[in-house]
Amino acid sequence: YGTLDGTMALKITDVIRRKPEITLDQLSEEVGIARRTLVRYMSAFKETGRIERVGGKRYGHWEINE
């Protein structure tokens, strides 16, 4: 995960596995970090190809690439 905190990265991916349709607002509340901080994590995940958004913002879902 690069410079990202490994524990938080695991929390985020765990929640996404359980709820792939979760929004960023819901996800930030569930893992207990600010939305802006979560956006930084998600950007890093997307850059490395670890996570991608499939579909649109409203009806899409997250996919984790292992």
N, C-alpha and C. Protein backbone atom coordinates (compact mmCIF):
# COMPACT_ATOMS: atom_id res chain seq x y z
N TYR A 1 0.81 -1.21 0.00
CA TYR A 1 0.00 0.00 0.00
C TYR A 1 0.84 1.26 0.00
N GLY A 2 2.11 1.13 -0.24
CA GLY A 2 2.96 2.30 -0.28
C GLY A 2 3.10 2.92 1.09
N THR A 3 2.86 4.23 1.18
CA THR A 3 3.02 4.93 2.45
C THR A 3 1.74 4.90 3.28
N LEU A 4 0.71 4.24 2.80
CA LEU A 4 -0.55 4.20 3.52
C LEU A 4 -0.47 3.23 4.69
N ASP A 5 -1.19 3.53 5.73
CA ASP A 5 -1.25 2.70 6.92
C ASP A 5 -1.88 1.35 6.56
N GLY A 6 -1.15 0.27 6.75
CA GLY A 6 -1.62 -1.06 6.39
C GLY A 6 -2.88 -1.49 7.10
N THR A 7 -3.00 -1.15 8.40
CA THR A 7 -4.18 -1.52 9.16
C THR A 7 -5.43 -0.86 8.59
N MET A 8 -5.34 0.42 8.27
CA MET A 8 -6.49 1.13 7.71
C MET A 8 -6.81 0.59 6.32
N ALA A 9 -5.80 0.29 5.55
CA ALA A 9 -6.02 -0.27 4.21
C ALA A 9 -6.77 -1.59 4.31
N LEU A 10 -6.43 -2.42 5.29
CA LEU A 10 -7.13 -3.69 5.48
C LEU A 10 -8.58 -3.46 5.90
N LYS A 11 -8.82 -2.48 6.77
CA LYS A 11 -10.18 -2.16 7.18
C LYS A 11 -11.03 -1.75 5.97
N ILE A 12 -10.45 -0.88 5.14
CA ILE A 12 -11.17 -0.37 3.98
C ILE A 12 -11.52 -1.51 3.03
N THR A 13 -10.53 -2.36 2.71
CA THR A 13 -10.80 -3.45 1.78
C THR A 13 -11.77 -4.47 2.36
N ASP A 14 -11.72 -4.69 3.67
CA ASP A 14 -12.66 -5.61 4.33
C ASP A 14 -14.09 -5.11 4.18
N VAL A 15 -14.31 -3.83 4.43
CA VAL A 15 -15.66 -3.26 4.31
C VAL A 15 -16.13 -3.33 2.86
N ILE A 16 -15.25 -3.03 1.93
CA ILE A 16 -15.63 -3.08 0.51
C ILE A 16 -15.97 -4.51 0.08
N ARG A 17 -15.27 -5.48 0.62
CA ARG A 17 -15.60 -6.89 0.30
C ARG A 17 -17.02 -7.23 0.78
N ARG A 18 -17.37 -6.74 1.96
CA ARG A 18 -18.70 -7.03 2.52
C ARG A 18 -19.80 -6.21 1.86
N LYS A 19 -19.48 -4.98 1.47
CA LYS A 19 -20.47 -4.06 0.90
C LYS A 19 -19.91 -3.37 -0.33
N PRO A 20 -19.82 -4.06 -1.46
CA PRO A 20 -19.18 -3.46 -2.64
C PRO A 20 -19.91 -2.23 -3.19
N GLU A 21 -21.15 -2.05 -2.85
CA GLU A 21 -21.92 -0.91 -3.36
C GLU A 21 -21.82 0.32 -2.45
N ILE A 22 -21.01 0.25 -1.41
CA ILE A 22 -20.90 1.32 -0.42
C ILE A 22 -20.39 2.63 -1.05
N THR A 23 -20.90 3.75 -0.56
CA THR A 23 -20.44 5.05 -1.03
C THR A 23 -19.22 5.49 -0.21
N LEU A 24 -18.50 6.49 -0.71
CA LEU A 24 -17.35 6.99 0.04
C LEU A 24 -17.78 7.58 1.38
N ASP A 25 -18.91 8.28 1.41
CA ASP A 25 -19.39 8.85 2.67
C ASP A 25 -19.68 7.75 3.69
N GLN A 26 -20.36 6.69 3.24
CA GLN A 26 -20.67 5.58 4.14
C GLN A 26 -19.41 4.86 4.59
N LEU A 27 -18.48 4.69 3.65
CA LEU A 27 -17.23 4.00 3.96
C LEU A 27 -16.39 4.78 4.97
N SER A 28 -16.32 6.10 4.79
CA SER A 28 -15.52 6.89 5.73
C SER A 28 -16.11 6.83 7.13
N GLU A 29 -17.44 6.80 7.22
CA GLU A 29 -18.09 6.69 8.52
C GLU A 29 -17.84 5.31 9.14
N GLU A 30 -17.93 4.28 8.33
CA GLU A 30 -17.76 2.92 8.82
C GLU A 30 -16.35 2.64 9.33
N VAL A 31 -15.33 3.14 8.64
CA VAL A 31 -13.95 2.88 9.09
C VAL A 31 -13.44 3.95 10.04
N GLY A 32 -14.18 5.04 10.19
CA GLY A 32 -13.83 6.04 11.19
C GLY A 32 -12.74 7.02 10.79
N ILE A 33 -12.69 7.38 9.50
CA ILE A 33 -11.73 8.40 9.07
C ILE A 33 -12.47 9.47 8.27
N ALA A 34 -11.83 10.62 8.14
CA ALA A 34 -12.43 11.71 7.38
C ALA A 34 -12.56 11.32 5.90
N ARG A 35 -13.56 11.85 5.25
CA ARG A 35 -13.80 11.54 3.84
C ARG A 35 -12.57 11.90 2.99
N ARG A 36 -11.97 13.03 3.27
CA ARG A 36 -10.80 13.48 2.50
C ARG A 36 -9.64 12.48 2.64
N THR A 37 -9.44 11.97 3.84
CA THR A 37 -8.39 10.97 4.07
C THR A 37 -8.72 9.70 3.29
N LEU A 38 -9.98 9.31 3.31
CA LEU A 38 -10.40 8.13 2.56
C LEU A 38 -10.17 8.31 1.06
N VAL A 39 -10.44 9.49 0.55
CA VAL A 39 -10.23 9.77 -0.87
C VAL A 39 -8.75 9.56 -1.23
N ARG A 40 -7.85 9.96 -0.32
CA ARG A 40 -6.42 9.75 -0.54
C ARG A 40 -6.09 8.25 -0.64
N TYR A 41 -6.65 7.46 0.28
CA TYR A 41 -6.46 6.02 0.24
C TYR A 41 -6.99 5.45 -1.07
N MET A 42 -8.20 5.82 -1.44
CA MET A 42 -8.84 5.27 -2.64
C MET A 42 -8.06 5.66 -3.89
N SER A 43 -7.52 6.86 -3.92
CA SER A 43 -6.70 7.28 -5.07
C SER A 43 -5.46 6.40 -5.19
N ALA A 44 -4.83 6.13 -4.06
CA ALA A 44 -3.64 5.27 -4.08
C ALA A 44 -4.01 3.85 -4.53
N PHE A 45 -5.13 3.35 -4.05
CA PHE A 45 -5.59 2.02 -4.46
C PHE A 45 -5.85 1.97 -5.96
N LYS A 46 -6.50 3.01 -6.47
CA LYS A 46 -6.82 3.05 -7.90
C LYS A 46 -5.54 3.13 -8.74
N GLU A 47 -4.58 3.93 -8.31
CA GLU A 47 -3.32 4.08 -9.05
C GLU A 47 -2.57 2.76 -9.18
N THR A 48 -2.63 1.96 -8.12
CA THR A 48 -1.92 0.67 -8.15
C THR A 48 -2.78 -0.43 -8.76
N GLY A 49 -4.02 -0.12 -9.09
CA GLY A 49 -4.91 -1.11 -9.69
C GLY A 49 -5.54 -2.05 -8.68
N ARG A 50 -5.38 -1.76 -7.41
CA ARG A 50 -5.92 -2.63 -6.35
C ARG A 50 -7.43 -2.58 -6.27
N ILE A 51 -8.00 -1.39 -6.46
CA ILE A 51 -9.45 -1.21 -6.39
C ILE A 51 -9.90 -0.42 -7.60
N GLU A 52 -11.07 -0.78 -8.11
CA GLU A 52 -11.64 0.01 -9.19
C GLU A 52 -13.14 0.14 -9.01
N ARG A 53 -13.66 1.21 -9.55
CA ARG A 53 -15.10 1.47 -9.50
C ARG A 53 -15.70 0.99 -10.81
N VAL A 54 -16.70 0.14 -10.72
CA VAL A 54 -17.38 -0.39 -11.90
C VAL A 54 -18.77 0.22 -11.94
N GLY A 55 -19.10 0.87 -13.05
CA GLY A 55 -20.39 1.53 -13.14
C GLY A 55 -20.30 2.96 -12.65
N GLY A 56 -21.42 3.62 -12.57
CA GLY A 56 -21.45 5.02 -12.18
C GLY A 56 -21.40 5.23 -10.69
N LYS A 57 -21.39 6.49 -10.30
CA LYS A 57 -21.34 6.84 -8.88
C LYS A 57 -22.57 6.36 -8.13
N ARG A 58 -23.72 6.46 -8.78
CA ARG A 58 -24.96 6.15 -8.08
C ARG A 58 -25.26 4.65 -8.00
N TYR A 59 -25.08 3.94 -9.10
CA TYR A 59 -25.47 2.53 -9.12
C TYR A 59 -24.29 1.58 -9.30
N GLY A 60 -23.08 2.10 -9.23
CA GLY A 60 -21.90 1.27 -9.41
C GLY A 60 -21.51 0.53 -8.15
N HIS A 61 -20.39 -0.16 -8.24
CA HIS A 61 -19.85 -0.87 -7.09
C HIS A 61 -18.32 -0.93 -7.19
N TRP A 62 -17.70 -1.25 -6.08
CA TRP A 62 -16.25 -1.35 -6.02
C TRP A 62 -15.84 -2.78 -6.28
N GLU A 63 -14.71 -2.98 -6.95
CA GLU A 63 -14.13 -4.30 -7.13
C GLU A 63 -12.68 -4.26 -6.64
N ILE A 64 -12.31 -5.30 -5.92
CA ILE A 64 -10.95 -5.41 -5.40
C ILE A 64 -10.20 -6.39 -6.28
N ASN A 65 -9.08 -5.97 -6.82
CA ASN A 65 -8.24 -6.82 -7.66
C ASN A 65 -7.09 -7.35 -6.81
N GLU A 66 -7.08 -8.63 -6.62
CA GLU A 66 -6.05 -9.23 -5.75
C GLU A 66 -4.83 -9.63 -6.56
